[in-house]
Amino acid sequence: MQSMKTKIEVQFQDKDVNVNDIEKAVKEDLKAKGVKLNTLANLDVYYKPEDGSIYYVAATKDKKEYNVEDAPLYI
């Protein structure tokens, strides 16, 4: 039996954004901050399609918190 592939896109006005690309941008930002993804307990991601901005809050298992500091990410 083959596993199912899922593709989720957000369509807003003339823009299509794949949810996987949003997740990838957040994970790359966390890695750039020196965060090891396997230490995360929670990762909440918020995408605003009207301006393409991405916000997130990540909490590690030892209760450290990371987020978008000065400006959101954009996609």
PDB file of N, CA and C in Angstrom:
ATOM      1  N   MET A   1       0.840  -1.193   0.000  1.00  0.00           N
ATOM      2  CA  MET A   1       0.000   0.000   0.000  1.00  0.00           C
ATOM      3  C   MET A   1       0.878   1.248   0.000  1.00  0.00           C
ATOM      4  N   GLN A   2       0.580   2.189  -0.875  1.00  0.00           N
ATOM      5  CA  GLN A   2       1.345   3.420  -0.961  1.00  0.00           C
ATOM      6  C   GLN A   2       0.790   4.456   0.014  1.00  0.00           C
ATOM      7  N   SER A   3       1.708   5.289   0.520  1.00  0.00           N
ATOM      8  CA  SER A   3       1.244   6.345   1.418  1.00  0.00           C
ATOM      9  C   SER A   3       0.694   7.514   0.606  1.00  0.00           C
ATOM     10  N   MET A   4      -0.255   8.182   1.164  1.00  0.00           N
ATOM     11  CA  MET A   4      -0.894   9.302   0.504  1.00  0.00           C
ATOM     12  C   MET A   4      -0.037  10.553   0.633  1.00  0.00           C
ATOM     13  N   LYS A   5       0.047  11.320  -0.436  1.00  0.00           N
ATOM     14  CA  LYS A   5       0.735  12.607  -0.395  1.00  0.00           C
ATOM     15  C   LYS A   5      -0.316  13.698  -0.301  1.00  0.00           C
ATOM     16  N   THR A   6      -0.045  14.669   0.536  1.00  0.00           N
ATOM     17  CA  THR A   6      -0.968  15.786   0.711  1.00  0.00           C
ATOM     18  C   THR A   6      -0.262  17.081   0.353  1.00  0.00           C
ATOM     19  N   LYS A   7      -0.956  17.932  -0.368  1.00  0.00           N
ATOM     20  CA  LYS A   7      -0.440  19.260  -0.707  1.00  0.00           C
ATOM     21  C   LYS A   7      -1.483  20.269  -0.248  1.00  0.00           C
ATOM     22  N   ILE A   8      -1.046  21.215   0.578  1.00  0.00           N
ATOM     23  CA  ILE A   8      -1.961  22.251   1.062  1.00  0.00           C
ATOM     24  C   ILE A   8      -1.409  23.600   0.632  1.00  0.00           C
ATOM     25  N   GLU A   9      -2.250  24.373  -0.050  1.00  0.00           N
ATOM     26  CA  GLU A   9      -1.859  25.712  -0.479  1.00  0.00           C
ATOM     27  C   GLU A   9      -2.850  26.734   0.041  1.00  0.00           C
ATOM     28  N   VAL A  10      -2.325  27.897   0.342  1.00  0.00           N
ATOM     29  CA  VAL A  10      -3.166  29.028   0.712  1.00  0.00           C
ATOM     30  C   VAL A  10      -3.244  29.919  -0.522  1.00  0.00           C
ATOM     31  N   GLN A  11      -4.452  30.177  -0.977  1.00  0.00           N
ATOM     32  CA  GLN A  11      -4.646  31.050  -2.131  1.00  0.00           C
ATOM     33  C   GLN A  11      -5.318  32.330  -1.648  1.00  0.00           C
ATOM     34  N   PHE A  12      -4.672  33.439  -2.008  1.00  0.00           N
ATOM     35  CA  PHE A  12      -5.213  34.734  -1.598  1.00  0.00           C
ATOM     36  C   PHE A  12      -4.876  35.736  -2.689  1.00  0.00           C
ATOM     37  N   GLN A  13      -5.873  36.396  -3.221  1.00  0.00           N
ATOM     38  CA  GLN A  13      -5.715  37.316  -4.336  1.00  0.00           C
ATOM     39  C   GLN A  13      -4.956  36.600  -5.449  1.00  0.00           C
ATOM     40  N   ASP A  14      -3.823  37.094  -5.895  1.00  0.00           N
ATOM     41  CA  ASP A  14      -3.104  36.464  -7.006  1.00  0.00           C
ATOM     42  C   ASP A  14      -1.937  35.610  -6.532  1.00  0.00           C
ATOM     43  N   LYS A  15      -1.949  35.177  -5.296  1.00  0.00           N
ATOM     44  CA  LYS A  15      -0.797  34.476  -4.736  1.00  0.00           C
ATOM     45  C   LYS A  15      -1.191  33.085  -4.247  1.00  0.00           C
ATOM     46  N   ASP A  16      -0.359  32.100  -4.579  1.00  0.00           N
ATOM     47  CA  ASP A  16      -0.511  30.735  -4.067  1.00  0.00           C
ATOM     48  C   ASP A  16       0.724  30.414  -3.245  1.00  0.00           C
ATOM     49  N   VAL A  17       0.534  30.001  -2.005  1.00  0.00           N
ATOM     50  CA  VAL A  17       1.660  29.663  -1.135  1.00  0.00           C
ATOM     51  C   VAL A  17       1.450  28.259  -0.583  1.00  0.00           C
ATOM     52  N   ASN A  18       2.448  27.416  -0.756  1.00  0.00           N
ATOM     53  CA  ASN A  18       2.397  26.055  -0.243  1.00  0.00           C
ATOM     54  C   ASN A  18       2.718  26.083   1.248  1.00  0.00           C
ATOM     55  N   VAL A  19       1.925  25.380   2.029  1.00  0.00           N
ATOM     56  CA  VAL A  19       2.107  25.350   3.481  1.00  0.00           C
ATOM     57  C   VAL A  19       3.490  24.787   3.838  1.00  0.00           C
ATOM     58  N   ASN A  20       3.991  23.847   3.055  1.00  0.00           N
ATOM     59  CA  ASN A  20       5.327  23.295   3.312  1.00  0.00           C
ATOM     60  C   ASN A  20       6.412  24.362   3.201  1.00  0.00           C
ATOM     61  N   ASP A  21       6.233  25.333   2.293  1.00  0.00           N
ATOM     62  CA  ASP A  21       7.203  26.414   2.152  1.00  0.00           C
ATOM     63  C   ASP A  21       7.198  27.328   3.375  1.00  0.00           C
ATOM     64  N   ILE A  22       6.026  27.524   3.963  1.00  0.00           N
ATOM     65  CA  ILE A  22       5.927  28.324   5.190  1.00  0.00           C
ATOM     66  C   ILE A  22       6.674  27.614   6.315  1.00  0.00           C
ATOM     67  N   GLU A  23       6.417  26.321   6.460  1.00  0.00           N
ATOM     68  CA  GLU A  23       7.092  25.537   7.495  1.00  0.00           C
ATOM     69  C   GLU A  23       8.606  25.534   7.291  1.00  0.00           C
ATOM     70  N   LYS A  24       9.038  25.394   6.059  1.00  0.00           N
ATOM     71  CA  LYS A  24      10.470  25.384   5.749  1.00  0.00           C
ATOM     72  C   LYS A  24      11.120  26.710   6.134  1.00  0.00           C
ATOM     73  N   ALA A  25      10.465  27.831   5.842  1.00  0.00           N
ATOM     74  CA  ALA A  25      11.008  29.154   6.180  1.00  0.00           C
ATOM     75  C   ALA A  25      11.182  29.301   7.691  1.00  0.00           C
ATOM     76  N   VAL A  26      10.210  28.825   8.445  1.00  0.00           N
ATOM     77  CA  VAL A  26      10.283  28.910   9.910  1.00  0.00           C
ATOM     78  C   VAL A  26      11.418  28.043  10.437  1.00  0.00           C
ATOM     79  N   LYS A  27      11.510  26.813   9.952  1.00  0.00           N
ATOM     80  CA  LYS A  27      12.550  25.907  10.423  1.00  0.00           C
ATOM     81  C   LYS A  27      13.944  26.419  10.067  1.00  0.00           C
ATOM     82  N   GLU A  28      14.098  27.014   8.894  1.00  0.00           N
ATOM     83  CA  GLU A  28      15.390  27.599   8.517  1.00  0.00           C
ATOM     84  C   GLU A  28      15.751  28.758   9.429  1.00  0.00           C
ATOM     85  N   ASP A  29      14.753  29.570   9.802  1.00  0.00           N
ATOM     86  CA  ASP A  29      15.006  30.693  10.709  1.00  0.00           C
ATOM     87  C   ASP A  29      15.436  30.179  12.084  1.00  0.00           C
ATOM     88  N   LEU A  30      14.777  29.147  12.567  1.00  0.00           N
ATOM     89  CA  LEU A  30      15.143  28.568  13.864  1.00  0.00           C
ATOM     90  C   LEU A  30      16.557  27.986  13.822  1.00  0.00           C
ATOM     91  N   LYS A  31      16.877  27.270  12.747  1.00  0.00           N
ATOM     92  CA  LYS A  31      18.224  26.699  12.608  1.00  0.00           C
ATOM     93  C   LYS A  31      19.274  27.807  12.580  1.00  0.00           C
ATOM     94  N   ALA A  32      18.962  28.914  11.898  1.00  0.00           N
ATOM     95  CA  ALA A  32      19.890  30.043  11.840  1.00  0.00           C
ATOM     96  C   ALA A  32      20.128  30.644  13.223  1.00  0.00           C
ATOM     97  N   LYS A  33      19.154  30.483  14.118  1.00  0.00           N
ATOM     98  CA  LYS A  33      19.281  30.964  15.498  1.00  0.00           C
ATOM     99  C   LYS A  33      19.967  29.929  16.387  1.00  0.00           C
ATOM    100  N   GLY A  34      20.367  28.802  15.794  1.00  0.00           N
ATOM    101  CA  GLY A  34      21.066  27.771  16.547  1.00  0.00           C
ATOM    102  C   GLY A  34      20.160  26.801  17.290  1.00  0.00           C
ATOM    103  N   VAL A  35      18.882  26.805  16.949  1.00  0.00           N
ATOM    104  CA  VAL A  35      17.928  25.923  17.607  1.00  0.00           C
ATOM    105  C   VAL A  35      17.926  24.565  16.903  1.00  0.00           C
ATOM    106  N   LYS A  36      18.092  23.501  17.661  1.00  0.00           N
ATOM    107  CA  LYS A  36      17.991  22.156  17.109  1.00  0.00           C
ATOM    108  C   LYS A  36      16.511  21.768  17.106  1.00  0.00           C
ATOM    109  N   LEU A  37      16.005  21.421  15.930  1.00  0.00           N
ATOM    110  CA  LEU A  37      14.577  21.156  15.795  1.00  0.00           C
ATOM    111  C   LEU A  37      14.107  19.995  16.671  1.00  0.00           C
ATOM    112  N   ASN A  38      14.984  19.037  16.957  1.00  0.00           N
ATOM    113  CA  ASN A  38      14.564  17.906  17.782  1.00  0.00           C
ATOM    114  C   ASN A  38      14.432  18.278  19.260  1.00  0.00           C
ATOM    115  N   THR A  39      14.786  19.518  19.615  1.00  0.00           N
ATOM    116  CA  THR A  39      14.599  19.976  21.000  1.00  0.00           C
ATOM    117  C   THR A  39      13.255  20.684  21.191  1.00  0.00           C
ATOM    118  N   LEU A  40      12.500  20.873  20.105  1.00  0.00           N
ATOM    119  CA  LEU A  40      11.236  21.604  20.191  1.00  0.00           C
ATOM    120  C   LEU A  40      10.122  20.740  20.760  1.00  0.00           C
ATOM    121  N   ALA A  41       9.346  21.338  21.632  1.00  0.00           N
ATOM    122  CA  ALA A  41       8.150  20.691  22.169  1.00  0.00           C
ATOM    123  C   ALA A  41       6.912  21.170  21.411  1.00  0.00           C
ATOM    124  N   ASN A  42       6.882  22.470  21.068  1.00  0.00           N
ATOM    125  CA  ASN A  42       5.754  23.076  20.347  1.00  0.00           C
ATOM    126  C   ASN A  42       6.282  24.044  19.305  1.00  0.00           C
ATOM    127  N   LEU A  43       5.581  24.116  18.193  1.00  0.00           N
ATOM    128  CA  LEU A  43       5.879  25.111  17.164  1.00  0.00           C
ATOM    129  C   LEU A  43       4.549  25.594  16.613  1.00  0.00           C
ATOM    130  N   ASP A  44       4.206  26.832  16.912  1.00  0.00           N
ATOM    131  CA  ASP A  44       2.973  27.444  16.423  1.00  0.00           C
ATOM    132  C   ASP A  44       3.338  28.447  15.342  1.00  0.00           C
ATOM    133  N   VAL A  45       2.736  28.300  14.165  1.00  0.00           N
ATOM    134  CA  VAL A  45       3.059  29.139  13.016  1.00  0.00           C
ATOM    135  C   VAL A  45       1.800  29.878  12.582  1.00  0.00           C
ATOM    136  N   TYR A  46       1.957  31.156  12.296  1.00  0.00           N
ATOM    137  CA  TYR A  46       0.847  32.013  11.869  1.00  0.00           C
ATOM    138  C   TYR A  46       1.234  32.679  10.554  1.00  0.00           C
ATOM    139  N   TYR A  47       0.376  32.548   9.554  1.00  0.00           N
ATOM    140  CA  TYR A  47       0.636  33.124   8.228  1.00  0.00           C
ATOM    141  C   TYR A  47      -0.459  34.128   7.895  1.00  0.00           C
ATOM    142  N   LYS A  48      -0.047  35.333   7.493  1.00  0.00           N
ATOM    143  CA  LYS A  48      -0.995  36.370   7.094  1.00  0.00           C
ATOM    144  C   LYS A  48      -0.911  36.509   5.573  1.00  0.00           C
ATOM    145  N   PRO A  49      -1.856  35.924   4.839  1.00  0.00           N
ATOM    146  CA  PRO A  49      -1.759  35.930   3.378  1.00  0.00           C
ATOM    147  C   PRO A  49      -1.865  37.313   2.751  1.00  0.00           C
ATOM    148  N   GLU A  50      -2.495  38.256   3.443  1.00  0.00           N
ATOM    149  CA  GLU A  50      -2.652  39.586   2.829  1.00  0.00           C
ATOM    150  C   GLU A  50      -1.321  40.284   2.586  1.00  0.00           C
ATOM    151  N   ASP A  51      -0.295  39.989   3.401  1.00  0.00           N
ATOM    152  CA  ASP A  51       1.010  40.608   3.157  1.00  0.00           C
ATOM    153  C   ASP A  51       2.154  39.586   3.095  1.00  0.00           C
ATOM    154  N   GLY A  52       1.816  38.294   3.171  1.00  0.00           N
ATOM    155  CA  GLY A  52       2.837  37.254   3.058  1.00  0.00           C
ATOM    156  C   GLY A  52       3.730  37.113   4.274  1.00  0.00           C
ATOM    157  N   SER A  53       3.283  37.628   5.426  1.00  0.00           N
ATOM    158  CA  SER A  53       4.132  37.576   6.615  1.00  0.00           C
ATOM    159  C   SER A  53       3.891  36.301   7.422  1.00  0.00           C
ATOM    160  N   ILE A  54       4.970  35.838   8.046  1.00  0.00           N
ATOM    161  CA  ILE A  54       4.935  34.627   8.857  1.00  0.00           C
ATOM    162  C   ILE A  54       5.421  34.962  10.258  1.00  0.00           C
ATOM    163  N   TYR A  55       4.671  34.539  11.237  1.00  0.00           N
ATOM    164  CA  TYR A  55       5.048  34.687  12.637  1.00  0.00           C
ATOM    165  C   TYR A  55       5.071  33.299  13.257  1.00  0.00           C
ATOM    166  N   TYR A  56       5.870  33.121  14.284  1.00  0.00           N
ATOM    167  CA  TYR A  56       5.867  31.833  14.966  1.00  0.00           C
ATOM    168  C   TYR A  56       6.294  31.979  16.417  1.00  0.00           C
ATOM    169  N   VAL A  57       5.915  30.982  17.202  1.00  0.00           N
ATOM    170  CA  VAL A  57       6.371  30.842  18.579  1.00  0.00           C
ATOM    171  C   VAL A  57       6.800  29.383  18.722  1.00  0.00           C
ATOM    172  N   ALA A  58       8.043  29.183  19.113  1.00  0.00           N
ATOM    173  CA  ALA A  58       8.585  27.842  19.293  1.00  0.00           C
ATOM    174  C   ALA A  58       9.032  27.695  20.736  1.00  0.00           C
ATOM    175  N   ALA A  59       8.661  26.584  21.353  1.00  0.00           N
ATOM    176  CA  ALA A  59       9.064  26.310  22.735  1.00  0.00           C
ATOM    177  C   ALA A  59       9.845  25.002  22.761  1.00  0.00           C
ATOM    178  N   THR A  60      10.989  25.038  23.423  1.00  0.00           N
ATOM    179  CA  THR A  60      11.794  23.832  23.545  1.00  0.00           C
ATOM    180  C   THR A  60      11.310  23.012  24.736  1.00  0.00           C
ATOM    181  N   LYS A  61      11.782  21.783  24.796  1.00  0.00           N
ATOM    182  CA  LYS A  61      11.395  20.881  25.892  1.00  0.00           C
ATOM    183  C   LYS A  61      11.862  21.411  27.244  1.00  0.00           C
ATOM    184  N   ASP A  62      12.941  22.227  27.237  1.00  0.00           N
ATOM    185  CA  ASP A  62      13.410  22.808  28.502  1.00  0.00           C
ATOM    186  C   ASP A  62      12.865  24.231  28.721  1.00  0.00           C
ATOM    187  N   LYS A  63      11.754  24.540  28.068  1.00  0.00           N
ATOM    188  CA  LYS A  63      10.951  25.758  28.284  1.00  0.00           C
ATOM    189  C   LYS A  63      11.557  27.052  27.735  1.00  0.00           C
ATOM    190  N   LYS A  64      12.556  26.982  26.859  1.00  0.00           N
ATOM    191  CA  LYS A  64      13.038  28.197  26.196  1.00  0.00           C
ATOM    192  C   LYS A  64      12.064  28.521  25.072  1.00  0.00           C
ATOM    193  N   GLU A  65      11.890  29.827  24.822  1.00  0.00           N
ATOM    194  CA  GLU A  65      10.945  30.239  23.794  1.00  0.00           C
ATOM    195  C   GLU A  65      11.642  31.072  22.729  1.00  0.00           C
ATOM    196  N   TYR A  66      11.287  30.820  21.491  1.00  0.00           N
ATOM    197  CA  TYR A  66      11.841  31.550  20.347  1.00  0.00           C
ATOM    198  C   TYR A  66      10.683  32.045  19.503  1.00  0.00           C
ATOM    199  N   ASN A  67      10.888  33.208  18.872  1.00  0.00           N
ATOM    200  CA  ASN A  67       9.879  33.729  17.957  1.00  0.00           C
ATOM    201  C   ASN A  67      10.547  34.665  16.960  1.00  0.00           C
ATOM    202  N   VAL A  68       9.742  35.241  16.097  1.00  0.00           N
ATOM    203  CA  VAL A  68      10.253  36.238  15.166  1.00  0.00           C
ATOM    204  C   VAL A  68      10.483  37.492  15.989  1.00  0.00           C
ATOM    205  N   GLU A  69      11.720  37.941  16.029  1.00  0.00           N
ATOM    206  CA  GLU A  69      12.059  39.025  16.960  1.00  0.00           C
ATOM    207  C   GLU A  69      11.696  40.414  16.453  1.00  0.00           C
ATOM    208  N   ASP A  70      12.439  40.951  15.512  1.00  0.00           N
ATOM    209  CA  ASP A  70      12.236  42.327  15.094  1.00  0.00           C
ATOM    210  C   ASP A  70      11.205  42.477  13.963  1.00  0.00           C
ATOM    211  N   ALA A  71      11.186  41.502  13.076  1.00  0.00           N
ATOM    212  CA  ALA A  71      10.301  41.592  11.919  1.00  0.00           C
ATOM    213  C   ALA A  71       9.861  40.183  11.529  1.00  0.00           C
ATOM    214  N   PRO A  72       8.679  40.060  10.940  1.00  0.00           N
ATOM    215  CA  PRO A  72       8.225  38.739  10.524  1.00  0.00           C
ATOM    216  C   PRO A  72       9.053  38.204   9.361  1.00  0.00           C
ATOM    217  N   LEU A  73       8.911  36.936   9.102  1.00  0.00           N
ATOM    218  CA  LEU A  73       9.476  36.340   7.893  1.00  0.00           C
ATOM    219  C   LEU A  73       8.489  36.627   6.768  1.00  0.00           C
ATOM    220  N   TYR A  74       8.962  36.610   5.535  1.00  0.00           N
ATOM    221  CA  TYR A  74       8.076  36.822   4.394  1.00  0.00           C
ATOM    222  C   TYR A  74       8.264  35.727   3.373  1.00  0.00           C
ATOM    223  N   ILE A  75       7.167  35.391   2.699  1.00  0.00           N
ATOM    224  CA  ILE A  75       7.232  34.391   1.653  1.00  0.00           C
ATOM    225  C   ILE A  75       6.425  34.871   0.457  1.00  0.00           C
TER     226      ILE A  75
END
